[in-house]
Amino acid sequence: MTTHVADCPHKNHDLVPWDDSFEGVLYERKPAKDRSGKVAEDLYVVWITLNNPKQYNSYTTEMVKRVILAFRHASNQPDVVAVVFTGTGTRAFCTGGNTAEYAEHYSGAPDEYLAYMRLFNDMVSAILHCDKPVICRVNGMRIAGGQEIGMACDFTLSSDLAVFGQAGPRHGSAPDGGSTDFLPLFVGMERGMNSATLCESWSAHQAQRFGLISECFPVLRVGETFVPNPLVNTDTWLDASGRIVFGEFKVGEARQEGKERLASGEIDLTPLDEAVERLAAKLLETFPNCTRKTIESMRKHKLQYWDRNRESNRSWLGLNMMTEAAAGFRAFNEGGRDTREVDFVRMRQRLAAGERWTPEFIDSLIRRSDTNGSAQ
């Protein structure tokens, strides 16, 4: 005797009724497909998409809340095979927290930011506790908090035009929303230390070589041909000092030529989407509970550090909104195109001379631009 799903209805385990009214985070159920491309009837892959392209898919407080609910909802659906976490457009997966909101609301308000960081921590945990495999589809920049929520995912497939990195110490914070926990697990202590402190971005090719992501795919189409990122050295060679060069960003004339090459084509994410579909198909052809248990066991290595540090990190990040974060986020939000960072040397000199973190001191660090674009 065959038992049908309709004879065994599932209870709703969502915390709140689900609705699709919020446009900042999109939730889409796409038909799952097997390796041949055939639709697997009544099975789905959920796409959760950060939808704030004008601000490089940076997440606002409301977006964070919605991501949490989206992952919980997808996790509870028995017909969902996997979750794809991505961003709208071709420029950014996510560039972290919304700096305008940080500067205008949370700057100087440590208790408010503490409450916000509870939500952020819950977002990371919602990814790490999702009962479905989570694929990070990196369609552009994965920076700062975007890097952190990306590393919480189980797999990462990327456009080869994407860049990866941190922003904390150059913008008044520390990458304690996951990067100080996760980076050494992915790339080792030395590379992790360099990324977390110096905030120098890696190309997608470097990220793959370092073990940060599974694979990257050319998405620049020139005519009918997809070509590798022209802004990056994609050949392996030794420089004059004997150092291996691969995946580094080009400089000088080579970079300018790369920009011209980039402008001559158009970005087409089809190869990335096909790779995401292939990975989802491979996950489809596994035992669901064995896959879930395997993923849970692998995630323990991240959770070991995440659970140990997240609460103390949250408290420090809240208090930091009274000093360096107040200056750093305001500088980014209020400064001109070329003045979004404080004058680090002068700031250190003034602190060494005994100045205190007063509101006046913070305001004096902001390098605003006049109408001609020159720093004031």
Protein backbone atom coordinates (compact mmCIF):
# COMPACT_ATOMS: atom_id res chain seq x y z
CA MET A 1 0.00 0.00 0.00
CA THR A 2 1.43 3.38 -1.01
CA THR A 3 1.32 6.22 1.52
CA HIS A 4 1.02 9.64 -0.09
CA VAL A 5 2.32 12.91 1.33
CA ALA A 6 -1.25 14.18 1.55
CA ASP A 7 -1.99 11.35 4.00
CA CYS A 8 0.88 12.49 6.27
CA PRO A 9 0.60 16.31 6.46
CA HIS A 10 3.54 18.17 7.95
CA LYS A 11 3.13 20.62 10.81
CA ASN A 12 4.23 24.21 10.27
CA HIS A 13 7.35 24.84 12.36
CA ASP A 14 7.95 28.45 11.31
CA LEU A 15 8.09 31.02 14.11
CA VAL A 16 5.86 33.43 12.19
CA PRO A 17 3.66 33.03 9.10
CA TRP A 18 5.74 33.39 5.95
CA ASP A 19 4.99 36.12 3.43
CA ASP A 20 6.81 37.56 0.40
CA SER A 21 5.98 41.24 0.94
CA PHE A 22 9.48 42.44 1.95
CA GLU A 23 11.52 43.36 -1.12
CA GLY A 24 14.90 43.68 0.62
CA VAL A 25 15.34 39.90 0.75
CA LEU A 26 13.86 37.74 -2.01
CA TYR A 27 12.78 34.13 -1.47
CA GLU A 28 12.27 31.94 -4.51
CA ARG A 29 11.55 28.23 -4.87
CA LYS A 30 13.11 26.90 -8.08
CA PRO A 31 12.46 23.38 -9.36
CA ALA A 32 15.28 20.98 -8.49
CA LYS A 33 16.94 19.22 -11.42
CA ASP A 34 18.96 16.03 -11.68
CA ARG A 35 22.36 15.81 -13.40
CA SER A 36 20.77 15.41 -16.81
CA GLY A 37 18.82 18.63 -16.35
CA LYS A 38 15.48 16.88 -15.87
CA VAL A 39 13.16 18.53 -13.34
CA ALA A 40 12.72 16.47 -10.17
CA GLU A 41 8.99 16.82 -9.68
CA ASP A 42 7.83 18.30 -6.35
CA LEU A 43 11.40 19.06 -5.18
CA TYR A 44 12.93 22.53 -4.98
CA VAL A 45 16.07 24.59 -4.47
CA VAL A 46 15.42 27.78 -2.52
CA TRP A 47 17.20 30.98 -3.53
CA ILE A 48 17.56 33.61 -0.79
CA THR A 49 18.70 36.85 -2.41
CA LEU A 50 19.91 40.07 -0.77
CA ASN A 51 18.15 42.75 -2.78
CA ASN A 52 19.79 46.12 -2.10
CA PRO A 53 21.88 46.63 -5.27
CA LYS A 54 22.11 50.43 -4.96
CA GLN A 55 24.11 49.89 -1.76
CA TYR A 56 25.99 46.81 -2.99
CA ASN A 57 23.56 44.47 -1.22
CA SER A 58 24.64 45.68 2.21
CA TYR A 59 22.17 44.43 4.79
CA THR A 60 19.97 46.76 6.83
CA THR A 61 18.50 45.74 10.18
CA GLU A 62 15.24 44.76 8.49
CA MET A 63 17.10 42.69 5.92
CA VAL A 64 18.97 40.81 8.66
CA LYS A 65 15.68 39.88 10.32
CA ARG A 66 14.31 38.68 7.00
CA VAL A 67 17.37 36.54 6.24
CA ILE A 68 16.95 34.78 9.59
CA LEU A 69 13.30 34.01 8.86
CA ALA A 70 14.11 32.93 5.29
CA PHE A 71 16.70 30.38 6.40
CA ARG A 72 14.39 29.06 9.10
CA HIS A 73 11.57 28.76 6.57
CA ALA A 74 13.71 26.95 4.00
CA SER A 75 15.12 24.69 6.70
CA ASN A 76 11.62 23.58 7.68
CA GLN A 77 10.45 22.63 4.17
CA PRO A 78 10.64 18.86 3.48
CA ASP A 79 10.60 19.39 -0.30
CA VAL A 80 13.69 21.64 -0.31
CA VAL A 81 16.96 20.01 -1.40
CA ALA A 82 19.37 22.92 -0.90
CA VAL A 83 19.53 26.67 -0.33
CA VAL A 84 21.37 29.15 -2.56
CA PHE A 85 22.38 32.40 -0.83
CA THR A 86 23.21 35.23 -3.22
CA GLY A 87 22.76 38.91 -4.10
CA THR A 88 21.00 40.89 -6.80
CA GLY A 89 22.92 42.03 -9.88
CA THR A 90 26.51 41.50 -10.97
CA ARG A 91 28.44 43.90 -8.74
CA ALA A 92 28.10 42.49 -5.23
CA PHE A 93 27.03 39.47 -3.25
CA CYS A 94 27.21 41.57 -0.11
CA THR A 95 29.49 44.30 1.25
CA GLY A 96 28.48 43.84 4.87
CA GLY A 97 26.40 46.01 7.16
CA ASN A 98 24.73 49.11 5.78
CA THR A 99 27.22 51.87 6.57
CA ALA A 100 24.62 54.63 6.22
CA GLU A 101 22.52 52.97 8.92
CA TYR A 102 25.62 52.35 11.04
CA ALA A 103 26.74 55.97 10.80
CA GLU A 104 23.36 57.64 11.13
CA HIS A 105 21.73 55.43 13.75
CA TYR A 106 24.18 53.14 15.56
CA SER A 107 27.19 55.45 15.84
CA GLY A 108 27.52 56.49 19.49
CA ALA A 109 24.71 54.14 20.55
CA PRO A 110 26.37 51.02 21.99
CA ASP A 111 23.22 49.46 23.45
CA GLU A 112 21.38 49.88 20.15
CA TYR A 113 24.27 48.29 18.26
CA LEU A 114 24.41 45.49 20.84
CA ALA A 115 20.79 44.67 20.01
CA TYR A 116 21.59 44.83 16.31
CA MET A 117 24.54 42.47 16.76
CA ARG A 118 22.22 39.98 18.45
CA LEU A 119 20.31 39.90 15.16
CA PHE A 120 23.52 39.65 13.14
CA ASN A 121 24.75 36.74 15.26
CA ASP A 122 21.39 35.05 14.81
CA MET A 123 21.75 35.47 11.02
CA VAL A 124 25.12 33.70 11.01
CA SER A 125 23.74 31.00 13.29
CA ALA A 126 20.66 30.57 11.08
CA ILE A 127 22.98 29.72 8.18
CA LEU A 128 25.11 27.38 10.29
CA HIS A 129 22.01 25.63 11.68
CA CYS A 130 20.10 25.31 8.42
CA ASP A 131 18.95 21.71 7.86
CA LYS A 132 19.71 22.05 4.14
CA PRO A 133 23.10 22.40 2.41
CA VAL A 134 23.80 26.09 1.79
CA ILE A 135 25.54 27.25 -1.39
CA CYS A 136 26.95 30.78 -1.48
CA ARG A 137 26.60 32.07 -5.05
CA VAL A 138 29.08 34.95 -5.21
CA ASN A 139 27.93 37.22 -8.01
CA GLY A 140 30.26 40.12 -7.11
CA MET A 141 32.05 41.64 -4.11
CA ARG A 142 32.05 39.57 -0.91
CA ILE A 143 33.47 42.03 1.58
CA ALA A 144 33.40 42.59 5.38
CA GLY A 145 30.19 41.17 6.86
CA GLY A 146 29.41 39.79 3.42
CA GLN A 147 32.55 37.69 3.71
CA GLU A 148 31.44 36.53 7.15
CA ILE A 149 27.96 35.36 6.16
CA GLY A 150 29.50 33.81 3.04
CA MET A 151 31.95 31.75 5.06
CA ALA A 152 29.07 30.48 7.20
CA CYS A 153 27.75 28.73 4.07
CA ASP A 154 28.76 25.16 3.20
CA PHE A 155 29.90 25.68 -0.41
CA THR A 156 30.99 28.72 -2.39
CA LEU A 157 30.86 29.10 -6.17
CA SER A 158 31.90 32.46 -7.57
CA SER A 159 32.10 34.75 -10.55
CA ASP A 160 35.78 35.21 -11.37
CA LEU A 161 35.18 38.98 -11.32
CA ALA A 162 34.33 38.85 -7.61
CA VAL A 163 36.64 40.13 -4.89
CA PHE A 164 36.90 38.90 -1.31
CA GLY A 165 38.12 40.69 1.78
CA GLN A 166 37.66 42.47 5.07
CA ALA A 167 37.17 46.12 5.99
CA GLY A 168 37.23 46.19 9.79
CA PRO A 169 40.46 47.84 11.04
CA ARG A 170 40.43 50.40 8.20
CA HIS A 171 36.88 51.46 8.97
CA GLY A 172 36.80 51.42 12.74
CA SER A 173 35.83 47.85 13.57
CA ALA A 174 37.17 44.33 13.94
CA PRO A 175 35.99 41.43 11.74
CA ASP A 176 34.51 39.68 14.77
CA GLY A 177 31.25 38.72 13.10
CA GLY A 178 32.81 35.46 11.99
CA SER A 179 35.98 36.22 10.07
CA THR A 180 38.30 35.98 13.06
CA ASP A 181 36.68 32.60 13.73
CA PHE A 182 36.38 31.23 10.19
CA LEU A 183 39.28 32.65 8.14
CA PRO A 184 42.06 30.54 9.73
CA LEU A 185 39.97 27.41 9.09
CA PHE A 186 39.78 28.23 5.38
CA VAL A 187 43.13 29.79 4.53
CA GLY A 188 45.44 29.24 7.52
CA MET A 189 46.62 31.61 10.21
CA GLU A 190 49.10 33.71 8.21
CA ARG A 191 46.79 34.45 5.27
CA GLY A 192 43.89 34.94 7.64
CA MET A 193 45.90 37.42 9.70
CA ASN A 194 46.87 39.38 6.61
CA SER A 195 43.30 39.56 5.34
CA ALA A 196 41.74 40.44 8.69
CA THR A 197 44.21 43.18 9.66
CA LEU A 198 45.36 44.75 6.38
CA CYS A 199 41.97 44.55 4.60
CA GLU A 200 43.56 43.94 1.20
CA SER A 201 41.17 42.19 -1.18
CA TRP A 202 41.77 38.88 -2.90
CA SER A 203 40.63 38.09 -6.41
CA ALA A 204 38.34 35.11 -6.93
CA HIS A 205 41.30 33.23 -8.43
CA GLN A 206 43.35 33.84 -5.28
CA ALA A 207 40.38 32.88 -3.11
CA GLN A 208 40.13 29.55 -4.92
CA ARG A 209 43.86 28.94 -4.70
CA PHE A 210 43.86 29.72 -0.96
CA GLY A 211 40.95 27.35 -0.27
CA LEU A 212 38.39 30.04 0.57
CA ILE A 213 35.99 28.99 -2.20
CA SER A 214 35.33 25.83 -4.20
CA GLU A 215 35.62 27.27 -7.70
CA CYS A 216 35.28 30.44 -9.77
CA PHE A 217 33.97 30.80 -13.32
CA PRO A 218 34.61 33.34 -16.12
CA VAL A 219 31.49 35.45 -16.61
CA LEU A 220 32.83 38.17 -18.93
CA ARG A 221 31.48 37.47 -22.39
CA VAL A 222 33.30 39.12 -25.28
CA GLY A 223 31.41 38.25 -28.42
CA GLU A 224 30.51 34.59 -28.05
CA THR A 225 33.45 33.71 -25.81
CA PHE A 226 33.74 33.78 -22.02
CA VAL A 227 37.16 35.16 -21.00
CA PRO A 228 38.94 35.16 -17.62
CA ASN A 229 38.93 38.30 -15.50
CA PRO A 230 41.15 40.74 -17.46
CA LEU A 231 42.02 42.68 -14.28
CA VAL A 232 43.80 39.67 -12.79
CA ASN A 233 46.97 37.73 -13.66
CA THR A 234 45.61 34.27 -14.43
CA ASP A 235 48.94 32.78 -15.54
CA THR A 236 51.35 31.37 -12.96
CA TRP A 237 54.86 32.80 -13.04
CA LEU A 238 57.71 33.92 -10.79
CA ASP A 239 58.46 37.58 -10.24
CA ALA A 240 61.99 39.03 -9.90
CA SER A 241 62.18 37.95 -6.25
CA GLY A 242 61.16 34.38 -7.03
CA ARG A 243 57.67 34.79 -5.58
CA ILE A 244 54.84 32.80 -7.19
CA VAL A 245 52.38 35.16 -8.85
CA PHE A 246 48.88 33.95 -9.65
CA GLY A 247 45.52 35.60 -9.33
CA GLU A 248 46.90 38.96 -8.23
CA PHE A 249 45.38 42.18 -9.49
CA LYS A 250 47.19 43.80 -12.39
CA VAL A 251 48.74 47.24 -11.98
CA GLY A 252 49.79 50.11 -14.22
CA GLU A 253 49.32 49.78 -17.97
CA ALA A 254 48.25 46.15 -17.65
CA ARG A 255 45.39 47.17 -15.39
CA GLN A 256 44.28 49.91 -17.77
CA GLU A 257 44.32 47.43 -20.64
CA GLY A 258 42.29 45.09 -18.47
CA LYS A 259 39.69 47.78 -17.82
CA GLU A 260 39.35 48.37 -21.55
CA ARG A 261 38.94 44.64 -22.12
CA LEU A 262 36.33 44.53 -19.37
CA ALA A 263 34.41 47.41 -20.94
CA SER A 264 34.41 45.66 -24.33
CA GLY A 265 32.29 42.77 -23.08
CA GLU A 266 29.27 42.17 -20.91
CA ILE A 267 28.81 40.25 -17.68
CA ASP A 268 26.78 37.09 -18.12
CA LEU A 269 26.40 34.94 -15.00
CA THR A 270 25.17 31.89 -16.94
CA PRO A 271 28.35 29.82 -16.27
CA LEU A 272 28.02 30.52 -12.54
CA ASP A 273 24.35 29.61 -12.50
CA GLU A 274 25.02 26.40 -14.41
CA ALA A 275 27.67 25.47 -11.83
CA VAL A 276 25.23 26.16 -8.98
CA GLU A 277 22.66 23.96 -10.72
CA ARG A 278 25.22 21.16 -11.14
CA LEU A 279 26.15 21.27 -7.46
CA ALA A 280 22.49 21.24 -6.39
CA ALA A 281 21.93 18.22 -8.69
CA LYS A 282 24.79 16.35 -6.99
CA LEU A 283 23.27 17.11 -3.59
CA LEU A 284 19.88 15.91 -4.84
CA GLU A 285 21.38 12.48 -5.53
CA THR A 286 22.31 11.77 -1.91
CA PHE A 287 20.44 10.44 1.13
CA PRO A 288 18.95 13.55 2.76
CA ASN A 289 19.52 12.62 6.41
CA CYS A 290 23.05 11.31 5.78
CA THR A 291 23.86 14.56 3.95
CA ARG A 292 22.39 16.65 6.75
CA LYS A 293 24.36 14.77 9.41
CA THR A 294 27.58 15.03 7.40
CA ILE A 295 27.12 18.77 6.97
CA GLU A 296 26.33 19.19 10.66
CA SER A 297 29.51 17.32 11.57
CA MET A 298 31.60 19.44 9.20
CA ARG A 299 30.04 22.64 10.53
CA LYS A 300 31.15 21.75 14.07
CA HIS A 301 34.61 23.06 13.23
CA LYS A 302 33.15 26.50 12.53
CA LEU A 303 30.68 26.35 15.41
CA GLN A 304 33.42 25.48 17.88
CA TYR A 305 34.93 28.94 17.46
CA TRP A 306 31.74 30.82 16.58
CA ASP A 307 29.87 29.72 19.71
CA ARG A 308 32.89 30.31 21.91
CA ASN A 309 33.44 33.92 20.83
CA ARG A 310 30.24 35.45 19.45
CA GLU A 311 28.81 36.84 22.70
CA SER A 312 31.99 38.49 23.95
CA ASN A 313 32.65 39.81 20.44
CA ARG A 314 29.13 41.26 20.35
CA SER A 315 29.73 43.13 23.61
CA TRP A 316 33.01 44.58 22.40
CA LEU A 317 31.54 45.63 19.05
CA GLY A 318 28.76 47.45 20.88
CA LEU A 319 31.17 49.38 23.10
CA ASN A 320 33.38 50.19 20.11
CA MET A 321 30.50 52.23 18.67
CA MET A 322 31.49 54.94 21.14
CA THR A 323 35.01 55.37 19.75
CA GLU A 324 36.71 54.01 16.63
CA ALA A 325 33.56 52.65 14.97
CA ALA A 326 31.82 55.99 15.44
CA ALA A 327 34.68 57.64 13.56
CA GLY A 328 35.20 54.95 10.94
CA PHE A 329 31.60 54.47 9.87
CA ARG A 330 30.90 58.20 9.84
CA ALA A 331 34.04 58.81 7.78
CA PHE A 332 32.90 56.26 5.21
CA ASN A 333 29.37 57.64 5.12
CA GLU A 334 30.16 61.37 5.20
CA GLY A 335 33.47 61.50 3.35
CA GLY A 336 33.89 62.06 -0.35
CA ARG A 337 34.82 59.42 -2.90
CA ASP A 338 38.53 59.66 -2.00
CA THR A 339 38.18 60.63 1.67
CA ARG A 340 36.23 57.74 3.19
CA GLU A 341 38.94 56.88 5.68
CA VAL A 342 40.33 58.98 8.50
CA ASP A 343 43.87 60.34 8.43
CA PHE A 344 45.32 57.39 10.35
CA VAL A 345 48.72 58.95 11.02
CA ARG A 346 47.31 62.20 12.39
CA MET A 347 44.73 60.32 14.46
CA ARG A 348 47.42 58.17 16.07
CA GLN A 349 49.58 61.21 16.74
CA ARG A 350 46.73 63.03 18.48
CA LEU A 351 45.86 59.98 20.59
CA ALA A 352 49.51 59.55 21.54
CA ALA A 353 49.53 63.20 22.64
CA GLY A 354 46.67 62.48 25.05
CA GLU A 355 43.47 63.43 23.22
CA ARG A 356 40.32 61.59 24.26
CA TRP A 357 37.48 60.06 22.28
CA THR A 358 35.12 62.99 22.66
CA PRO A 359 32.33 63.76 20.16
CA GLU A 360 34.39 66.75 19.02
CA PHE A 361 37.46 64.60 18.43
CA ILE A 362 35.43 62.08 16.43
CA ASP A 363 33.86 64.82 14.32
CA SER A 364 37.28 66.34 13.60
CA LEU A 365 38.48 63.03 12.11
CA ILE A 366 35.90 63.06 9.32
CA ARG A 367 37.54 64.12 6.05
CA ARG A 368 34.64 65.66 4.18
CA SER A 369 34.94 66.97 0.63
CA ASP A 370 33.92 70.37 -0.64
CA THR A 371 31.94 70.83 -3.86
CA ASN A 372 35.19 70.64 -5.90
CA GLY A 373 35.99 67.24 -4.44
CA SER A 374 38.96 68.36 -2.33
CA ALA A 375 39.28 67.18 1.26
CA GLN A 376 38.46 69.66 4.00
